[in-house]
Amino acid sequence: MRALIQRVSSGSVSINGKTEGEIGRGIVILLGITHDDTPKDAEYLADKCVNLRIFEDSEGKMNLSTLETKGDVLIISQFTLYGDASRGRRPSYTDAARPETAIPLYEKFITEVRKTGLKTETGRFGAEMLVDIKNNGPVTLLVES
């Protein structure tokens, strides 16, 4: 399981021109799931994401987590995180899990983040989405289970 985490001043996701989710200061998580991921991967990665110390403290050092700052979270499914562009010009997505595997793990990840009490918004799995990310810093990290 892969999470591309971006620290944001705000973020939103729209489907067919309708806003599905919107957050203020916090993180946007683009989540990719592969074939051998398990619920334990979702638990581990959700905990890792909300506890990463990527927000500045009073001294300007990145010492605070989303959980500590009570930031918002926007989670978007992103199968292209498992795209392989090493050969040719057309990426292969064979490493991305099929929906019957990915959807329950995506939902498990969302549940784990929501257990923290943080405001958590999501996109819709498999939908064509327009994601607006106002990356703050910029701070972007790739974390894997």
N, C-alpha and C. Protein backbone atom coordinates (compact mmCIF):
# COMPACT_ATOMS: atom_id res chain seq x y z
N MET A 1 0.86 -1.17 0.00
CA MET A 1 0.00 0.00 0.00
C MET A 1 0.90 1.23 0.00
N ARG A 2 0.54 2.19 -0.83
CA ARG A 2 1.30 3.43 -0.94
C ARG A 2 0.42 4.62 -0.65
N ALA A 3 0.98 5.57 0.07
CA ALA A 3 0.28 6.82 0.33
C ALA A 3 1.19 7.97 -0.07
N LEU A 4 0.73 8.78 -0.98
CA LEU A 4 1.42 10.01 -1.32
C LEU A 4 0.73 11.10 -0.50
N ILE A 5 1.47 11.65 0.45
CA ILE A 5 0.90 12.59 1.42
C ILE A 5 1.38 13.99 1.08
N GLN A 6 0.43 14.92 1.01
CA GLN A 6 0.77 16.31 0.77
C GLN A 6 0.20 17.16 1.89
N ARG A 7 1.07 17.99 2.48
CA ARG A 7 0.61 18.95 3.48
C ARG A 7 -0.06 20.08 2.72
N VAL A 8 -1.28 20.43 3.13
CA VAL A 8 -2.05 21.41 2.36
C VAL A 8 -2.61 22.51 3.25
N SER A 9 -2.85 23.66 2.62
CA SER A 9 -3.59 24.73 3.28
C SER A 9 -5.09 24.48 3.06
N SER A 10 -5.42 23.78 1.97
CA SER A 10 -6.80 23.36 1.71
C SER A 10 -6.80 22.34 0.57
N GLY A 11 -7.89 21.63 0.45
CA GLY A 11 -8.04 20.66 -0.62
C GLY A 11 -9.51 20.33 -0.82
N SER A 12 -9.83 19.87 -2.03
CA SER A 12 -11.21 19.45 -2.30
C SER A 12 -11.22 18.44 -3.43
N VAL A 13 -12.32 17.73 -3.52
CA VAL A 13 -12.52 16.77 -4.61
C VAL A 13 -13.93 16.97 -5.15
N SER A 14 -14.02 17.03 -6.49
CA SER A 14 -15.31 17.20 -7.16
C SER A 14 -15.52 16.07 -8.15
N ILE A 15 -16.78 15.67 -8.28
CA ILE A 15 -17.18 14.66 -9.26
C ILE A 15 -18.35 15.23 -10.03
N ASN A 16 -18.20 15.27 -11.36
CA ASN A 16 -19.24 15.84 -12.23
C ASN A 16 -19.64 17.25 -11.80
N GLY A 17 -18.67 18.05 -11.41
CA GLY A 17 -18.92 19.44 -11.04
C GLY A 17 -19.48 19.65 -9.65
N LYS A 18 -19.69 18.56 -8.89
CA LYS A 18 -20.23 18.66 -7.53
C LYS A 18 -19.14 18.34 -6.52
N THR A 19 -18.95 19.22 -5.54
CA THR A 19 -17.94 19.00 -4.50
C THR A 19 -18.37 17.84 -3.62
N GLU A 20 -17.49 16.83 -3.54
CA GLU A 20 -17.76 15.64 -2.72
C GLU A 20 -17.12 15.75 -1.35
N GLY A 21 -15.99 16.42 -1.29
CA GLY A 21 -15.27 16.55 -0.03
C GLY A 21 -14.40 17.79 -0.07
N GLU A 22 -14.25 18.43 1.08
CA GLU A 22 -13.48 19.67 1.15
C GLU A 22 -12.85 19.77 2.52
N ILE A 23 -11.57 20.15 2.55
CA ILE A 23 -10.87 20.30 3.84
C ILE A 23 -10.12 21.62 3.89
N GLY A 24 -9.78 22.01 5.11
CA GLY A 24 -8.91 23.15 5.33
C GLY A 24 -7.50 22.63 5.56
N ARG A 25 -6.78 23.25 6.46
CA ARG A 25 -5.39 22.89 6.75
C ARG A 25 -5.31 21.43 7.20
N GLY A 26 -4.39 20.70 6.58
CA GLY A 26 -4.22 19.29 6.93
C GLY A 26 -3.41 18.56 5.88
N ILE A 27 -3.87 17.35 5.54
CA ILE A 27 -3.16 16.54 4.55
C ILE A 27 -4.13 15.95 3.53
N VAL A 28 -3.63 15.83 2.31
CA VAL A 28 -4.32 15.07 1.27
C VAL A 28 -3.52 13.78 1.10
N ILE A 29 -4.22 12.67 1.13
CA ILE A 29 -3.59 11.36 0.97
C ILE A 29 -4.09 10.73 -0.32
N LEU A 30 -3.18 10.52 -1.26
CA LEU A 30 -3.49 9.78 -2.48
C LEU A 30 -3.07 8.34 -2.18
N LEU A 31 -4.03 7.41 -2.21
CA LEU A 31 -3.81 6.05 -1.72
C LEU A 31 -3.82 5.03 -2.84
N GLY A 32 -2.74 4.28 -2.96
CA GLY A 32 -2.64 3.20 -3.94
C GLY A 32 -2.58 1.86 -3.23
N ILE A 33 -3.26 0.87 -3.82
CA ILE A 33 -3.34 -0.45 -3.20
C ILE A 33 -2.89 -1.50 -4.22
N THR A 34 -2.07 -2.45 -3.74
CA THR A 34 -1.59 -3.52 -4.62
C THR A 34 -2.16 -4.86 -4.17
N HIS A 35 -1.86 -5.91 -4.93
CA HIS A 35 -2.48 -7.23 -4.77
C HIS A 35 -2.31 -7.87 -3.40
N ASP A 36 -1.14 -7.72 -2.81
CA ASP A 36 -0.87 -8.45 -1.57
C ASP A 36 -1.09 -7.61 -0.31
N ASP A 37 -1.73 -6.46 -0.44
CA ASP A 37 -2.03 -5.64 0.73
C ASP A 37 -3.11 -6.31 1.58
N THR A 38 -3.05 -6.03 2.88
CA THR A 38 -3.97 -6.64 3.85
C THR A 38 -4.57 -5.54 4.74
N PRO A 39 -5.58 -5.89 5.53
CA PRO A 39 -6.10 -4.92 6.50
C PRO A 39 -5.02 -4.38 7.45
N LYS A 40 -4.03 -5.20 7.77
CA LYS A 40 -2.93 -4.75 8.63
C LYS A 40 -2.14 -3.62 7.96
N ASP A 41 -1.98 -3.71 6.62
CA ASP A 41 -1.31 -2.63 5.88
C ASP A 41 -2.10 -1.34 6.01
N ALA A 42 -3.42 -1.43 5.89
CA ALA A 42 -4.29 -0.25 6.00
C ALA A 42 -4.17 0.37 7.40
N GLU A 43 -4.17 -0.47 8.43
CA GLU A 43 -4.05 0.03 9.80
C GLU A 43 -2.70 0.73 10.01
N TYR A 44 -1.63 0.07 9.59
CA TYR A 44 -0.29 0.62 9.75
C TYR A 44 -0.16 1.96 9.02
N LEU A 45 -0.58 1.98 7.75
CA LEU A 45 -0.39 3.17 6.94
C LEU A 45 -1.26 4.34 7.40
N ALA A 46 -2.48 4.06 7.83
CA ALA A 46 -3.34 5.12 8.36
C ALA A 46 -2.70 5.76 9.58
N ASP A 47 -2.18 4.93 10.48
CA ASP A 47 -1.52 5.43 11.68
C ASP A 47 -0.28 6.25 11.31
N LYS A 48 0.49 5.74 10.38
CA LYS A 48 1.71 6.43 9.93
C LYS A 48 1.37 7.81 9.36
N CYS A 49 0.35 7.86 8.52
CA CYS A 49 -0.02 9.12 7.85
C CYS A 49 -0.42 10.21 8.84
N VAL A 50 -1.27 9.89 9.77
CA VAL A 50 -1.77 10.93 10.69
C VAL A 50 -0.75 11.31 11.76
N ASN A 51 0.26 10.46 11.94
CA ASN A 51 1.27 10.74 12.96
C ASN A 51 2.60 11.25 12.41
N LEU A 52 2.72 11.38 11.10
CA LEU A 52 3.94 11.95 10.52
C LEU A 52 4.10 13.39 10.98
N ARG A 53 5.28 13.74 11.43
CA ARG A 53 5.53 15.09 11.94
C ARG A 53 5.96 15.99 10.78
N ILE A 54 4.96 16.58 10.11
CA ILE A 54 5.22 17.41 8.93
C ILE A 54 4.68 18.83 9.07
N PHE A 55 4.19 19.17 10.25
CA PHE A 55 3.71 20.53 10.50
C PHE A 55 4.69 21.23 11.44
N GLU A 56 4.85 22.53 11.23
CA GLU A 56 5.83 23.30 12.00
C GLU A 56 5.35 23.59 13.41
N ASP A 57 6.30 23.53 14.33
CA ASP A 57 6.02 23.92 15.71
C ASP A 57 6.30 25.42 15.85
N SER A 58 6.29 25.92 17.08
CA SER A 58 6.48 27.36 17.31
C SER A 58 7.88 27.85 16.92
N GLU A 59 8.82 26.91 16.75
CA GLU A 59 10.17 27.28 16.35
C GLU A 59 10.41 27.09 14.85
N GLY A 60 9.36 26.75 14.12
CA GLY A 60 9.49 26.59 12.68
C GLY A 60 10.02 25.24 12.23
N LYS A 61 10.14 24.28 13.15
CA LYS A 61 10.63 22.94 12.81
C LYS A 61 9.44 22.01 12.58
N MET A 62 9.59 21.10 11.64
CA MET A 62 8.51 20.13 11.39
C MET A 62 8.52 19.08 12.49
N ASN A 63 7.80 19.37 13.56
CA ASN A 63 7.76 18.51 14.74
C ASN A 63 6.36 18.07 15.12
N LEU A 64 5.33 18.54 14.39
CA LEU A 64 3.96 18.25 14.78
C LEU A 64 3.25 17.43 13.70
N SER A 65 2.39 16.54 14.14
CA SER A 65 1.65 15.68 13.22
C SER A 65 0.27 16.27 12.92
N THR A 66 -0.39 15.69 11.96
CA THR A 66 -1.78 16.07 11.65
C THR A 66 -2.64 15.84 12.88
N LEU A 67 -2.41 14.74 13.57
CA LEU A 67 -3.17 14.43 14.77
C LEU A 67 -2.96 15.49 15.85
N GLU A 68 -1.72 15.89 16.05
CA GLU A 68 -1.41 16.89 17.08
C GLU A 68 -1.96 18.27 16.73
N THR A 69 -2.00 18.60 15.44
CA THR A 69 -2.50 19.91 15.03
C THR A 69 -4.00 19.89 14.76
N LYS A 70 -4.60 18.72 14.89
CA LYS A 70 -6.03 18.54 14.60
C LYS A 70 -6.37 19.02 13.19
N GLY A 71 -5.50 18.63 12.26
CA GLY A 71 -5.70 18.98 10.86
C GLY A 71 -6.78 18.13 10.22
N ASP A 72 -7.18 18.51 9.04
CA ASP A 72 -8.18 17.76 8.27
C ASP A 72 -7.46 16.77 7.36
N VAL A 73 -8.22 15.77 6.89
CA VAL A 73 -7.67 14.74 6.01
C VAL A 73 -8.60 14.54 4.83
N LEU A 74 -8.04 14.52 3.63
CA LEU A 74 -8.77 14.20 2.40
C LEU A 74 -8.10 12.98 1.80
N ILE A 75 -8.86 11.89 1.61
CA ILE A 75 -8.32 10.63 1.10
C ILE A 75 -8.89 10.36 -0.29
N ILE A 76 -7.99 10.11 -1.25
CA ILE A 76 -8.38 9.88 -2.63
C ILE A 76 -7.76 8.57 -3.10
N SER A 77 -8.56 7.67 -3.67
CA SER A 77 -8.00 6.44 -4.24
C SER A 77 -7.22 6.80 -5.49
N GLN A 78 -6.05 6.17 -5.66
CA GLN A 78 -5.15 6.56 -6.75
C GLN A 78 -4.40 5.32 -7.25
N PHE A 79 -5.04 4.52 -8.10
CA PHE A 79 -4.41 3.29 -8.59
C PHE A 79 -3.14 3.57 -9.38
N THR A 80 -3.01 4.77 -9.94
CA THR A 80 -1.83 5.08 -10.76
C THR A 80 -0.54 5.16 -9.92
N LEU A 81 -0.64 5.16 -8.59
CA LEU A 81 0.56 5.10 -7.76
C LEU A 81 1.30 3.78 -7.97
N TYR A 82 0.60 2.78 -8.50
CA TYR A 82 1.25 1.51 -8.82
C TYR A 82 1.49 1.37 -10.32
N GLY A 83 1.52 2.49 -11.02
CA GLY A 83 1.86 2.47 -12.44
C GLY A 83 3.36 2.24 -12.64
N ASP A 84 3.69 1.45 -13.65
CA ASP A 84 5.08 1.16 -13.97
C ASP A 84 5.37 1.73 -15.35
N ALA A 85 6.19 2.76 -15.40
CA ALA A 85 6.53 3.41 -16.67
C ALA A 85 7.98 3.13 -17.07
N SER A 86 8.53 2.01 -16.57
CA SER A 86 9.94 1.71 -16.83
C SER A 86 10.20 1.26 -18.27
N ARG A 87 9.18 0.75 -18.94
CA ARG A 87 9.36 0.32 -20.33
C ARG A 87 8.33 1.01 -21.21
N GLY A 88 8.78 1.41 -22.37
CA GLY A 88 7.87 2.03 -23.32
C GLY A 88 7.36 3.37 -22.85
N ARG A 89 6.25 3.79 -23.48
CA ARG A 89 5.68 5.10 -23.16
C ARG A 89 4.30 5.00 -22.52
N ARG A 90 3.81 3.82 -22.41
CA ARG A 90 2.49 3.62 -21.82
C ARG A 90 2.65 2.87 -20.50
N PRO A 91 2.28 3.49 -19.38
CA PRO A 91 2.44 2.82 -18.09
C PRO A 91 1.60 1.55 -17.99
N SER A 92 2.11 0.60 -17.26
CA SER A 92 1.38 -0.63 -16.95
C SER A 92 0.83 -0.50 -15.53
N TYR A 93 -0.39 -0.94 -15.34
CA TYR A 93 -1.01 -0.85 -14.01
C TYR A 93 -1.30 -2.23 -13.43
N THR A 94 -0.55 -3.22 -13.86
CA THR A 94 -0.79 -4.59 -13.39
C THR A 94 -0.50 -4.77 -11.90
N ASP A 95 0.29 -3.88 -11.32
CA ASP A 95 0.58 -3.98 -9.88
C ASP A 95 -0.53 -3.39 -9.01
N ALA A 96 -1.45 -2.65 -9.62
CA ALA A 96 -2.57 -2.09 -8.86
C ALA A 96 -3.61 -3.18 -8.61
N ALA A 97 -4.14 -3.21 -7.40
CA ALA A 97 -5.14 -4.21 -7.05
C ALA A 97 -6.44 -3.98 -7.81
N ARG A 98 -7.12 -5.06 -8.12
CA ARG A 98 -8.44 -4.99 -8.76
C ARG A 98 -9.45 -4.45 -7.72
N PRO A 99 -10.54 -3.86 -8.18
CA PRO A 99 -11.52 -3.28 -7.26
C PRO A 99 -12.01 -4.22 -6.16
N GLU A 100 -12.20 -5.50 -6.47
CA GLU A 100 -12.71 -6.43 -5.45
C GLU A 100 -11.73 -6.58 -4.28
N THR A 101 -10.45 -6.34 -4.51
CA THR A 101 -9.45 -6.34 -3.45
C THR A 101 -9.26 -4.94 -2.88
N ALA A 102 -9.21 -3.95 -3.75
CA ALA A 102 -8.87 -2.59 -3.34
C ALA A 102 -9.96 -1.88 -2.55
N ILE A 103 -11.22 -2.04 -2.95
CA ILE A 103 -12.30 -1.28 -2.29
C ILE A 103 -12.38 -1.57 -0.79
N PRO A 104 -12.40 -2.85 -0.36
CA PRO A 104 -12.45 -3.09 1.10
C PRO A 104 -11.25 -2.51 1.84
N LEU A 105 -10.07 -2.53 1.22
CA LEU A 105 -8.89 -1.98 1.89
C LEU A 105 -8.91 -0.46 1.91
N TYR A 106 -9.42 0.15 0.85
CA TYR A 106 -9.61 1.61 0.82
C TYR A 106 -10.57 2.02 1.94
N GLU A 107 -11.67 1.29 2.06
CA GLU A 107 -12.65 1.59 3.11
C GLU A 107 -12.08 1.35 4.51
N LYS A 108 -11.26 0.32 4.66
CA LYS A 108 -10.60 0.04 5.95
C LYS A 108 -9.66 1.19 6.32
N PHE A 109 -8.90 1.68 5.35
CA PHE A 109 -7.99 2.80 5.58
C PHE A 109 -8.78 4.02 6.05
N ILE A 110 -9.87 4.33 5.37
CA ILE A 110 -10.71 5.47 5.74
C ILE A 110 -11.23 5.31 7.17
N THR A 111 -11.71 4.11 7.50
CA THR A 111 -12.22 3.83 8.84
C THR A 111 -11.14 4.07 9.89
N GLU A 112 -9.93 3.61 9.61
CA GLU A 112 -8.83 3.78 10.56
C GLU A 112 -8.50 5.25 10.78
N VAL A 113 -8.49 6.04 9.71
CA VAL A 113 -8.22 7.47 9.86
C VAL A 113 -9.35 8.13 10.65
N ARG A 114 -10.58 7.78 10.35
CA ARG A 114 -11.72 8.38 11.05
C ARG A 114 -11.73 8.05 12.53
N LYS A 115 -11.18 6.91 12.91
CA LYS A 115 -11.10 6.53 14.34
C LYS A 115 -10.31 7.55 15.15
N THR A 116 -9.46 8.32 14.50
CA THR A 116 -8.65 9.32 15.20
C THR A 116 -9.46 10.53 15.62
N GLY A 117 -10.65 10.69 15.03
CA GLY A 117 -11.49 11.85 15.34
C GLY A 117 -11.22 13.04 14.44
N LEU A 118 -10.24 12.93 13.54
CA LEU A 118 -9.96 14.04 12.63
C LEU A 118 -11.06 14.15 11.58
N LYS A 119 -11.35 15.38 11.15
CA LYS A 119 -12.29 15.57 10.05
C LYS A 119 -11.68 14.86 8.83
N THR A 120 -12.43 13.92 8.27
CA THR A 120 -11.93 13.11 7.16
C THR A 120 -12.94 13.12 6.03
N GLU A 121 -12.50 13.57 4.86
CA GLU A 121 -13.32 13.59 3.65
C GLU A 121 -12.69 12.64 2.64
N THR A 122 -13.50 12.21 1.66
CA THR A 122 -12.99 11.27 0.66
C THR A 122 -13.52 11.59 -0.72
N GLY A 123 -12.85 10.99 -1.68
CA GLY A 123 -13.39 10.96 -3.03
C GLY A 123 -14.26 9.73 -3.16
N ARG A 124 -14.51 9.31 -4.38
CA ARG A 124 -15.30 8.11 -4.62
C ARG A 124 -14.45 7.13 -5.43
N PHE A 125 -14.29 5.93 -4.91
CA PHE A 125 -13.44 4.93 -5.55
C PHE A 125 -13.87 4.72 -7.00
N GLY A 126 -12.91 4.79 -7.91
CA GLY A 126 -13.15 4.51 -9.33
C GLY A 126 -13.77 5.63 -10.13
N ALA A 127 -14.13 6.72 -9.48
CA ALA A 127 -14.78 7.83 -10.18
C ALA A 127 -13.73 8.72 -10.85
N GLU A 128 -14.15 9.43 -11.88
CA GLU A 128 -13.33 10.46 -12.50
C GLU A 128 -13.46 11.70 -11.60
N MET A 129 -12.36 12.08 -10.97
CA MET A 129 -12.41 13.14 -9.97
C MET A 129 -11.52 14.31 -10.36
N LEU A 130 -11.91 15.48 -9.93
CA LEU A 130 -11.08 16.68 -10.04
C LEU A 130 -10.64 17.00 -8.62
N VAL A 131 -9.34 16.87 -8.38
CA VAL A 131 -8.80 17.08 -7.04
C VAL A 131 -8.03 18.40 -7.02
N ASP A 132 -8.42 19.27 -6.11
CA ASP A 132 -7.76 20.56 -5.95
C ASP A 132 -6.90 20.46 -4.69
N ILE A 133 -5.59 20.60 -4.88
CA ILE A 133 -4.66 20.47 -3.77
C ILE A 133 -3.83 21.75 -3.68
N LYS A 134 -3.90 22.42 -2.55
CA LYS A 134 -3.08 23.61 -2.32
C LYS A 134 -1.94 23.18 -1.40
N ASN A 135 -0.91 22.61 -2.03
CA ASN A 135 0.23 22.07 -1.31
C ASN A 135 0.95 23.19 -0.58
N ASN A 136 1.16 22.99 0.71
CA ASN A 136 1.78 24.00 1.57
C ASN A 136 3.21 23.59 1.84
N GLY A 137 4.16 24.37 1.40
CA GLY A 137 5.57 24.11 1.67
C GLY A 137 6.45 24.29 0.45
N PRO A 138 6.36 23.47 -0.53
CA PRO A 138 5.56 22.25 -0.63
C PRO A 138 6.16 21.11 0.20
N VAL A 139 5.27 20.33 0.78
CA VAL A 139 5.66 19.13 1.52
C VAL A 139 4.91 17.96 0.91
N THR A 140 5.65 17.00 0.37
CA THR A 140 5.08 15.80 -0.24
C THR A 140 5.95 14.61 0.13
N LEU A 141 5.33 13.55 0.65
CA LEU A 141 6.06 12.35 1.06
C LEU A 141 5.36 11.11 0.52
N LEU A 142 6.16 10.12 0.13
CA LEU A 142 5.63 8.82 -0.26
C LEU A 142 5.93 7.84 0.86
N VAL A 143 4.87 7.22 1.40
CA VAL A 143 5.01 6.29 2.50
C VAL A 143 4.41 4.95 2.06
N GLU A 144 5.07 3.85 2.40
CA GLU A 144 4.58 2.53 2.01
C GLU A 144 4.47 1.62 3.23
N SER A 145 3.56 0.67 3.14
CA SER A 145 3.42 -0.30 4.23
C SER A 145 4.36 -1.46 4.00
